[in-house]
């Protein structure tokens, strides 16, 4: 025990902790154990869910997929510092530094970076089920939760956000991801600065990279009565790359989109807040081009659509794109939707119910050059967010078929007359010769 006072002889540490499936290993030396000074320690943590670390750290942590990390641990000026961290959360890598204070109120600071992140691993941040089926190290309960989420008809998380846990500590996080994995998403990177002080959450900003542009948001969430949250957010689209948006939809294009939006709402969960929301969104683009697949499908010109779907390049120039959407009590209505291309004009209408996750939208394409095969027909987009139904308007489709037949009957005699006239002209010319 006298060695505790001998600064020339570092005190060896070899500590193994376990709490159910959570494992913590601490190895190294401390020069002054009484003051917790002069530490040269290596900390390794492994747990199936970072939320299990909340009782150990005093910091509220959302649910995650299996987590493991290792780094250097030391203590100075009343703070534990976990630096040079390298680890894995589900299918995402994570690196950076964490600091936890030991004062009267817990203060947690993190500066983190991922080379590659799977968005499914971040689901717990918004109250969803984190992770993807088949991720190594999952518990049986996590596998069941993922299966239940996959079987649920709902897409937006309905789990309440825990307000008491948010008040338990002040949290400051900076995070950057160089690349993003996710099914059918156009995002290429992520940057965010998040502060939680006295339960008030502030995101300033959070930005998804989309090609050379980005979609950013500044948001504030404040605790209210009965576990409710009051949320306000300002959204901005800056030079969002059309090519990346269309690539996620299985098509192609070029150019960029800009826009602004805002939302003001209350609720206990993300689903409830979107269902109570009021706000607006406006997007605009001038120039660029878009794969003819989109316009052809909504116009039912299946021949060209099939060529596009087979990968034969065919694009149409964008003259103008305007989208103006209003949000009132969770109902997102299309006030204006106009896509003007060199060959088509696409318009839209309808409503999307964010609370109940229901769709009732229409897209209609009018060709700028009349032909029997390009008579306008509406596409209906109905069903739920998770399982949308896309089909032509059957009433209009029947009318279109009737019109095509009628035009064929009308123009057939004219075609015959033209053919006979042409033949007669040929014979006359021959006789003259």
Protein backbone atom coordinates (compact mmCIF):
# COMPACT_ATOMS: atom_id res chain seq x y z
CA UNK A 1 0.00 0.00 0.00
CA UNK A 2 2.99 2.34 0.55
CA UNK A 3 3.55 2.28 -3.19
CA UNK A 4 0.41 4.44 -3.54
CA UNK A 5 2.57 7.39 -2.39
CA UNK A 6 5.56 6.58 -4.60
CA UNK A 7 5.18 8.59 -7.82
CA UNK A 8 8.25 6.88 -9.28
CA UNK A 9 6.57 3.50 -9.21
CA UNK A 10 3.32 3.59 -11.28
CA UNK A 11 0.48 1.57 -9.79
CA UNK A 12 -0.53 -1.29 -12.11
CA UNK A 13 -4.20 -1.64 -13.05
CA UNK A 14 -5.88 -4.72 -14.52
CA UNK A 15 -9.64 -4.42 -14.07
CA UNK A 16 -12.39 -6.57 -15.58
CA UNK A 17 -16.04 -5.61 -15.12
CA UNK A 18 -19.18 -7.30 -16.36
CA UNK A 19 -22.84 -6.37 -16.12
CA UNK A 20 -24.89 -9.00 -17.92
CA UNK A 21 -23.60 -9.04 -21.53
CA UNK A 22 -21.69 -5.75 -21.06
CA UNK A 23 -17.93 -6.12 -20.65
CA UNK A 24 -15.41 -3.45 -19.57
CA UNK A 25 -11.66 -3.98 -19.47
CA UNK A 26 -9.13 -1.48 -18.04
CA UNK A 27 -5.40 -2.12 -18.22
CA UNK A 28 -2.32 0.06 -17.65
CA UNK A 29 -0.78 2.15 -14.86
CA UNK A 30 -1.56 5.21 -12.70
CA UNK A 31 1.29 7.28 -11.22
CA UNK A 32 -0.82 8.84 -8.44
CA UNK A 33 -3.86 6.61 -7.71
CA UNK A 34 -5.02 8.80 -4.80
CA UNK A 35 -5.46 11.79 -7.09
CA UNK A 36 -6.25 9.68 -10.17
CA UNK A 37 -3.38 11.47 -11.92
CA UNK A 38 -0.74 10.33 -14.40
CA UNK A 39 -2.92 7.63 -15.93
CA UNK A 40 -1.70 5.47 -18.80
CA UNK A 41 -4.72 3.22 -19.24
CA UNK A 42 -6.33 1.33 -22.09
CA UNK A 43 -10.13 1.01 -21.86
CA UNK A 44 -12.14 -1.52 -23.87
CA UNK A 45 -15.93 -1.61 -23.82
CA UNK A 46 -18.26 -4.14 -25.43
CA UNK A 47 -22.05 -4.21 -25.10
CA UNK A 48 -25.00 -5.30 -27.22
CA UNK A 49 -26.64 -1.87 -26.69
CA UNK A 50 -25.03 1.44 -25.65
CA UNK A 51 -28.16 2.28 -23.64
CA UNK A 52 -26.91 -0.33 -21.14
CA UNK A 53 -24.01 2.03 -20.34
CA UNK A 54 -26.35 4.73 -18.95
CA UNK A 55 -26.23 3.44 -15.31
CA UNK A 56 -22.43 3.22 -15.53
CA UNK A 57 -21.78 6.66 -17.05
CA UNK A 58 -24.76 8.67 -15.77
CA UNK A 59 -25.30 9.86 -19.34
CA UNK A 60 -28.60 9.11 -21.15
CA UNK A 61 -27.69 7.13 -24.30
CA UNK A 62 -30.23 6.04 -26.95
CA UNK A 63 -30.58 2.41 -28.00
CA UNK A 64 -27.97 1.18 -30.49
CA UNK A 65 -26.91 -2.05 -32.22
CA UNK A 66 -23.97 -3.97 -30.68
CA UNK A 67 -21.14 -1.59 -29.71
CA UNK A 68 -17.46 -2.13 -29.08
CA UNK A 69 -14.70 0.43 -28.67
CA UNK A 70 -11.22 0.83 -27.28
CA UNK A 71 -9.11 3.88 -26.47
CA UNK A 72 -6.99 5.71 -23.95
CA UNK A 73 -8.54 6.69 -20.59
CA UNK A 74 -7.25 9.37 -18.25
CA UNK A 75 -8.51 11.83 -15.64
CA UNK A 76 -7.74 15.55 -15.26
CA UNK A 77 -9.46 18.72 -13.98
CA UNK A 78 -12.49 16.78 -12.77
CA UNK A 79 -13.09 15.03 -16.11
CA UNK A 80 -12.65 11.49 -17.39
CA UNK A 81 -11.34 11.57 -20.95
CA UNK A 82 -11.71 8.64 -23.37
CA UNK A 83 -9.52 9.55 -26.36
CA UNK A 84 -8.02 7.93 -29.49
CA UNK A 85 -11.19 5.87 -29.66
CA UNK A 86 -11.74 3.32 -32.41
CA UNK A 87 -14.83 1.17 -32.51
CA UNK A 88 -17.89 -0.22 -34.22
CA UNK A 89 -21.64 0.40 -33.76
CA UNK A 90 -23.57 -2.20 -35.71
CA UNK A 91 -22.31 -1.88 -39.29
CA UNK A 92 -20.84 1.60 -38.73
CA UNK A 93 -17.32 2.50 -37.66
CA UNK A 94 -16.83 5.18 -35.01
CA UNK A 95 -13.76 7.13 -33.88
CA UNK A 96 -13.04 10.23 -31.80
CA UNK A 97 -13.04 11.31 -28.16
CA UNK A 98 -15.47 11.40 -25.21
CA UNK A 99 -15.29 13.47 -22.01
CA UNK A 100 -17.44 13.02 -18.89
CA UNK A 101 -17.36 15.48 -15.99
CA UNK A 102 -17.55 14.43 -12.35
CA UNK A 103 -19.12 17.61 -10.94
CA UNK A 104 -22.50 18.15 -9.31
CA UNK A 105 -24.14 17.78 -12.74
CA UNK A 106 -22.92 15.31 -15.34
CA UNK A 107 -21.59 16.95 -18.50
CA UNK A 108 -20.86 14.78 -21.54
CA UNK A 109 -18.91 15.96 -24.61
CA UNK A 110 -18.11 13.93 -27.73
CA UNK A 111 -16.30 14.72 -30.98
CA UNK A 112 -16.91 11.78 -33.29
CA UNK A 113 -16.21 10.71 -36.85
CA UNK A 114 -17.26 7.78 -39.05
CA UNK A 115 -15.69 6.82 -42.35
CA UNK A 116 -18.83 4.83 -43.21
CA UNK A 117 -22.16 4.81 -41.40
CA UNK A 118 -25.30 2.73 -41.87
CA UNK A 119 -28.34 4.95 -41.20
CA UNK A 120 -30.15 1.96 -39.69
CA UNK A 121 -27.65 2.05 -36.80
CA UNK A 122 -28.81 5.58 -35.85
CA UNK A 123 -32.49 4.64 -35.58
CA UNK A 124 -32.49 4.83 -31.78
CA UNK A 125 -31.74 8.58 -31.91
CA UNK A 126 -35.25 9.27 -33.30
CA UNK A 127 -37.02 6.62 -31.23
CA UNK A 128 -36.85 3.87 -33.84
CA UNK A 129 -35.47 0.34 -33.70
CA UNK A 130 -31.72 0.57 -34.40
CA UNK A 131 -29.71 -1.86 -36.48
CA UNK A 132 -30.24 -4.23 -39.36
CA UNK A 133 -31.13 -7.91 -39.37
CA UNK A 134 -28.08 -10.14 -39.31
CA UNK A 135 -25.73 -7.68 -37.58
CA UNK A 136 -23.13 -9.71 -35.63
CA UNK A 137 -23.49 -9.69 -31.85
CA UNK A 138 -27.23 -8.98 -31.70
CA UNK A 139 -29.18 -10.33 -28.73
CA UNK A 140 -32.32 -12.41 -29.20
CA UNK A 141 -34.39 -9.42 -28.02
CA UNK A 142 -32.77 -7.13 -30.58
CA UNK A 143 -33.52 -9.64 -33.34
CA UNK A 144 -37.15 -9.78 -32.22
CA UNK A 145 -37.38 -5.96 -32.14
CA UNK A 146 -36.00 -5.68 -35.67
CA UNK A 147 -38.43 -8.34 -36.88
CA UNK A 148 -41.35 -6.53 -35.21
CA UNK A 149 -40.29 -3.22 -36.79
CA UNK A 150 -40.03 -4.87 -40.22
CA UNK A 151 -43.50 -6.40 -39.82
CA UNK A 152 -45.08 -3.16 -38.56
CA UNK A 153 -47.15 -1.20 -41.09
CA UNK A 154 -45.68 2.02 -39.65
CA UNK A 155 -42.51 3.62 -41.00
CA UNK A 156 -42.10 6.61 -38.63
CA UNK A 157 -41.09 5.74 -35.00
CA UNK A 158 -43.95 5.92 -32.49
CA UNK A 159 -41.92 5.33 -29.29
CA UNK A 160 -42.10 8.32 -26.86
CA UNK A 161 -38.89 10.29 -26.32
CA UNK A 162 -37.83 10.00 -22.65
CA UNK A 163 -37.82 13.55 -21.23
CA UNK A 164 -36.53 12.63 -17.69
CA UNK A 165 -33.48 10.96 -19.26
CA UNK A 166 -32.80 14.05 -21.37
CA UNK A 167 -32.71 16.19 -18.21
CA UNK A 168 -30.23 13.88 -16.47
CA UNK A 169 -27.12 15.41 -18.06
CA UNK A 170 -25.90 18.16 -20.35
CA UNK A 171 -24.70 16.68 -23.64
CA UNK A 172 -22.60 18.22 -26.44
CA UNK A 173 -21.90 16.17 -29.57
CA UNK A 174 -20.15 16.94 -32.86
CA UNK A 175 -20.43 14.20 -35.47
CA UNK A 176 -19.25 13.73 -39.04
CA UNK A 177 -19.77 10.80 -41.42
CA UNK A 178 -17.84 10.62 -44.69
CA UNK A 179 -20.18 8.17 -46.44
CA UNK A 180 -23.65 6.80 -45.74
CA UNK A 181 -25.22 3.45 -46.44
CA UNK A 182 -28.98 3.04 -46.69
CA UNK A 183 -31.47 1.42 -49.01
CA UNK A 184 -32.79 3.87 -51.64
CA UNK A 185 -31.31 7.01 -50.04
CA UNK A 186 -29.43 9.79 -51.84
CA UNK A 187 -27.26 10.91 -48.90
CA UNK A 188 -23.48 10.99 -49.28
CA UNK A 189 -22.38 12.35 -45.89
CA UNK A 190 -23.58 13.78 -42.59
CA UNK A 191 -22.48 16.58 -40.26
CA UNK A 192 -24.22 17.68 -37.08
CA UNK A 193 -23.75 19.67 -33.90
CA UNK A 194 -26.10 18.63 -31.07
CA UNK A 195 -26.47 20.20 -27.62
CA UNK A 196 -28.81 19.08 -24.83
CA UNK A 197 -28.84 21.50 -21.87
CA UNK A 198 -31.47 21.25 -19.09
CA UNK A 199 -33.48 18.94 -21.35
CA UNK A 200 -33.61 21.41 -24.26
CA UNK A 201 -32.32 19.82 -27.48
CA UNK A 202 -30.72 22.04 -30.08
CA UNK A 203 -29.49 20.86 -33.47
CA UNK A 204 -27.39 23.59 -35.11
CA UNK A 205 -27.13 22.39 -37.73
CA UNK A 206 -27.68 18.88 -38.96
CA UNK A 207 -26.77 18.51 -42.63
CA UNK A 208 -27.03 15.61 -45.07
CA UNK A 209 -24.69 15.90 -48.06
CA UNK A 210 -26.36 15.18 -51.42
CA UNK A 211 -23.78 15.23 -54.19
CA UNK A 212 -22.25 18.72 -54.21
CA UNK A 213 -25.15 20.16 -52.18
CA UNK A 214 -26.83 19.50 -48.85
CA UNK A 215 -30.10 19.38 -46.92
CA UNK A 216 -29.62 21.14 -43.59
CA UNK A 217 -31.83 21.80 -40.58
CA UNK A 218 -31.62 23.98 -37.47
CA UNK A 219 -34.00 22.63 -34.84
CA UNK A 220 -34.95 23.18 -31.20
CA UNK A 221 -36.94 20.76 -29.01
CA UNK A 222 -38.14 21.98 -25.59
CA UNK A 223 -39.80 19.82 -22.88
CA UNK A 224 -43.46 20.64 -22.17
CA UNK A 225 -46.09 19.34 -19.75
CA UNK A 226 -47.03 15.63 -19.63
CA UNK A 227 -43.92 14.44 -21.41
CA UNK A 228 -44.58 16.50 -24.53
CA UNK A 229 -41.92 18.20 -26.66
CA UNK A 230 -42.28 21.47 -28.55
CA UNK A 231 -40.28 21.35 -31.77
CA UNK A 232 -39.36 24.06 -34.26
CA UNK A 233 -37.14 23.52 -37.29
CA UNK A 234 -35.91 25.51 -40.27
CA UNK A 235 -34.90 23.44 -43.32
CA UNK A 236 -32.80 24.51 -46.29
CA UNK A 237 -31.91 22.74 -49.54
CA UNK A 238 -28.72 24.11 -51.10
CA UNK A 239 -27.68 22.92 -54.57
CA UNK A 240 -29.10 19.44 -53.93
CA UNK A 241 -27.84 17.20 -56.73
CA UNK A 242 -30.67 15.92 -58.98
CA UNK A 243 -28.42 13.11 -60.22
CA UNK A 244 -28.16 11.70 -56.66
CA UNK A 245 -31.88 12.08 -56.01
CA UNK A 246 -32.76 10.27 -59.23
CA UNK A 247 -30.11 7.62 -58.70
CA UNK A 248 -31.79 6.67 -55.42
CA UNK A 249 -35.08 6.33 -57.35
CA UNK A 250 -33.47 4.14 -60.02
CA UNK A 251 -33.31 6.82 -62.72
CA UNK A 252 -30.86 9.49 -63.86
CA UNK A 253 -30.56 13.24 -64.26
CA UNK A 254 -28.45 16.34 -63.77
CA UNK A 255 -28.78 19.81 -62.26
CA UNK A 256 -29.59 20.97 -58.75
CA UNK A 257 -32.57 21.83 -56.52
CA UNK A 258 -32.84 24.54 -53.87
CA UNK A 259 -35.54 25.29 -51.34
CA UNK A 260 -36.64 26.21 -47.82
CA UNK A 261 -39.06 24.78 -45.28
CA UNK A 262 -40.16 25.07 -41.67
CA UNK A 263 -42.19 23.11 -39.11
CA UNK A 264 -43.68 23.93 -35.70
CA UNK A 265 -45.22 21.10 -33.68
CA UNK A 266 -45.69 19.28 -30.38
CA UNK A 267 -45.75 15.59 -29.46
CA UNK A 268 -44.23 12.77 -27.46
CA UNK A 269 -42.75 10.84 -30.39
CA UNK A 270 -41.51 11.64 -33.87
CA UNK A 271 -44.72 10.19 -35.34
CA UNK A 272 -46.91 12.29 -33.05
CA UNK A 273 -44.92 15.46 -33.76
CA UNK A 274 -45.21 15.01 -37.53
CA UNK A 275 -48.92 14.24 -37.11
CA UNK A 276 -49.45 17.54 -35.26
CA UNK A 277 -47.14 19.63 -37.41
CA UNK A 278 -47.76 22.92 -39.18
CA UNK A 279 -45.40 24.41 -41.74
CA UNK A 280 -44.39 24.51 -45.39
CA UNK A 281 -41.79 23.42 -47.94
CA UNK A 282 -40.87 25.05 -51.25
CA UNK A 283 -38.38 23.65 -53.80
CA UNK A 284 -37.25 25.15 -57.11
CA UNK A 285 -34.95 24.13 -59.95
CA UNK A 286 -34.08 25.83 -63.24
CA UNK A 287 -32.17 23.90 -65.89
CA UNK A 288 -30.60 20.45 -65.82
CA UNK A 289 -32.10 17.25 -67.17
CA UNK A 290 -33.94 14.21 -65.95
CA UNK A 291 -34.23 10.65 -67.16
CA UNK A 292 -37.24 10.25 -69.42
CA UNK A 293 -38.26 7.25 -67.32
CA UNK A 294 -40.06 9.47 -64.79
CA UNK A 295 -42.01 11.51 -67.33
CA UNK A 296 -42.74 8.49 -69.53
CA UNK A 297 -44.08 6.38 -66.68
CA UNK A 298 -46.48 9.08 -65.53
CA UNK A 299 -47.57 9.57 -69.16
CA UNK A 300 -47.94 5.83 -69.79
CA UNK A 301 -45.66 5.85 -72.83
CA UNK A 302 -44.52 2.35 -72.01
CA UNK A 303 -42.29 1.89 -75.05
CA UNK A 304 -39.88 4.67 -74.12
CA UNK A 305 -40.22 3.82 -70.44
CA UNK A 306 -39.12 0.27 -71.20
CA UNK A 307 -36.08 1.53 -73.13
CA UNK A 308 -35.16 3.78 -70.21
CA UNK A 309 -35.64 0.96 -67.71
CA UNK A 310 -33.32 -1.23 -69.81
CA UNK A 311 -30.61 1.43 -69.46
CA UNK A 312 -30.80 2.94 -72.97
CA UNK A 313 -29.86 6.59 -72.44
CA UNK A 314 -32.66 8.99 -73.14
CA UNK A 315 -33.02 12.25 -71.23
CA UNK A 316 -35.28 15.26 -71.35
CA UNK A 317 -34.23 18.82 -70.53
CA UNK A 318 -35.73 20.49 -67.45
CA UNK A 319 -37.08 23.96 -68.16
CA UNK A 320 -38.42 24.52 -64.64
CA UNK A 321 -39.36 22.61 -61.46
CA UNK A 322 -41.55 24.20 -58.78
CA UNK A 323 -42.91 22.42 -55.72
CA UNK A 324 -44.87 24.19 -52.98
CA UNK A 325 -46.26 22.11 -50.10
CA UNK A 326 -48.26 23.15 -47.05
CA UNK A 327 -48.42 21.29 -43.73
CA UNK A 328 -51.47 21.75 -41.49
CA UNK A 329 -52.12 19.46 -38.52
CA UNK A 330 -50.02 16.72 -40.07
CA UNK A 331 -51.61 16.88 -43.52
CA UNK A 332 -48.99 17.68 -46.17
CA UNK A 333 -50.86 19.06 -49.18
CA UNK A 334 -49.53 19.75 -52.66
CA UNK A 335 -50.26 23.42 -53.33
CA UNK A 336 -48.19 23.53 -56.53
CA UNK A 337 -46.18 20.84 -58.28
CA UNK A 338 -44.96 21.59 -61.80
CA UNK A 339 -42.17 19.94 -63.79
CA UNK A 340 -41.76 21.58 -67.20
CA UNK A 341 -39.45 19.69 -69.56
CA UNK A 342 -38.67 20.08 -73.26
CA UNK A 343 -41.26 17.43 -74.13
CA UNK A 344 -43.67 17.10 -71.18
CA UNK A 345 -45.41 19.08 -68.45
CA UNK A 346 -45.90 17.09 -65.24
CA UNK A 347 -48.29 18.39 -62.57
CA UNK A 348 -49.22 16.99 -59.19
CA UNK A 349 -51.90 17.24 -56.51
CA UNK A 350 -53.09 15.49 -53.37
CA UNK A 351 -52.33 15.03 -49.67
CA UNK A 352 -49.98 12.91 -47.53
CA UNK A 353 -51.11 12.32 -43.94
CA UNK A 354 -47.93 12.28 -41.83
CA UNK A 355 -49.61 11.11 -38.62
CA UNK A 356 -51.47 8.12 -40.08
CA UNK A 357 -48.89 7.63 -42.86
CA UNK A 358 -51.40 7.56 -45.72
CA UNK A 359 -50.94 8.76 -49.30
CA UNK A 360 -53.46 10.21 -51.73
CA UNK A 361 -51.44 11.83 -54.52
CA UNK A 362 -51.82 12.28 -58.28
CA UNK A 363 -49.23 12.87 -61.01
CA UNK A 364 -50.33 13.87 -64.50
CA UNK A 365 -48.19 14.25 -67.61
CA UNK A 366 -49.21 16.26 -70.67
CA UNK A 367 -47.10 15.94 -73.78
CA UNK A 368 -46.16 19.15 -75.58
CA UNK A 369 -46.44 17.29 -78.90
CA UNK A 370 -49.75 15.60 -79.59
CA UNK A 371 -49.83 11.92 -80.50
CA UNK A 372 -52.29 9.09 -79.91
CA UNK A 373 -49.72 7.40 -77.63
CA UNK A 374 -49.22 10.46 -75.47
CA UNK A 375 -52.77 11.26 -74.38
CA UNK A 376 -52.61 12.48 -70.75
CA UNK A 377 -53.30 10.00 -67.96
CA UNK A 378 -52.98 10.45 -64.19
CA UNK A 379 -50.90 8.21 -61.95
CA UNK A 380 -52.35 7.62 -58.48
CA UNK A 381 -50.03 7.15 -55.49
CA UNK A 382 -52.02 5.72 -52.58
CA UNK A 383 -51.58 3.35 -49.65
CA UNK A 384 -49.14 3.77 -46.77
CA UNK A 385 -45.67 5.27 -46.55
CA UNK A 386 -44.20 1.81 -46.06
CA UNK A 387 -46.20 0.11 -48.84
CA UNK A 388 -47.30 2.68 -51.42
CA UNK A 389 -49.47 1.67 -54.37
CA UNK A 390 -48.67 3.28 -57.72
CA UNK A 391 -51.16 2.74 -60.55
CA UNK A 392 -52.78 4.63 -63.43
CA UNK A 393 -56.19 6.20 -62.92
CA UNK A 394 -58.43 3.46 -64.36
CA UNK A 395 -61.19 5.87 -65.34
CA UNK A 396 -58.81 8.03 -67.33
CA UNK A 397 -57.09 4.93 -68.72
CA UNK A 398 -60.42 3.69 -70.11
CA UNK A 399 -61.17 7.09 -71.58
CA UNK A 400 -57.72 7.18 -73.13
CA UNK A 401 -58.18 3.75 -74.70
CA UNK A 402 -61.58 4.82 -76.08
CA UNK A 403 -60.09 8.02 -77.44
CA UNK A 404 -57.26 6.12 -79.10
CA UNK A 405 -59.71 3.70 -80.72
CA UNK A 406 -61.91 6.59 -81.79
CA UNK A 407 -59.02 8.45 -83.32
CA UNK A 408 -57.92 5.29 -85.10
CA UNK A 409 -61.41 4.82 -86.58
CA UNK A 410 -61.55 8.50 -87.55
CA UNK A 411 -58.13 8.63 -89.18
CA UNK A 412 -58.25 5.21 -90.89
CA UNK A 413 -60.46 6.37 -93.84
CA UNK A 414 -58.30 9.49 -94.18
CA UNK A 415 -55.22 7.31 -94.31
CA UNK A 416 -56.82 5.17 -97.03
CA UNK A 417 -57.81 8.28 -99.00
CA UNK A 418 -54.30 9.66 -98.68
CA UNK A 419 -52.89 6.33 -99.82
CA UNK A 420 -55.23 6.18 -102.88
CA UNK A 421 -54.47 9.82 -103.66
CA UNK A 422 -50.77 9.13 -103.45
CA UNK A 423 -51.10 6.11 -105.75
CA UNK A 424 -53.15 8.07 -108.26
CA UNK A 425 -50.63 10.89 -108.24
CA UNK A 426 -47.90 8.37 -108.91
CA UNK A 427 -49.73 6.87 -111.87
CA UNK A 428 -50.39 10.35 -113.32
CA UNK A 429 -46.77 11.28 -112.95
CA UNK A 430 -45.75 8.03 -114.65
CA UNK A 431 -48.12 8.61 -117.60
CA UNK A 432 -46.88 12.16 -117.99
CA UNK A 433 -43.35 10.84 -118.08
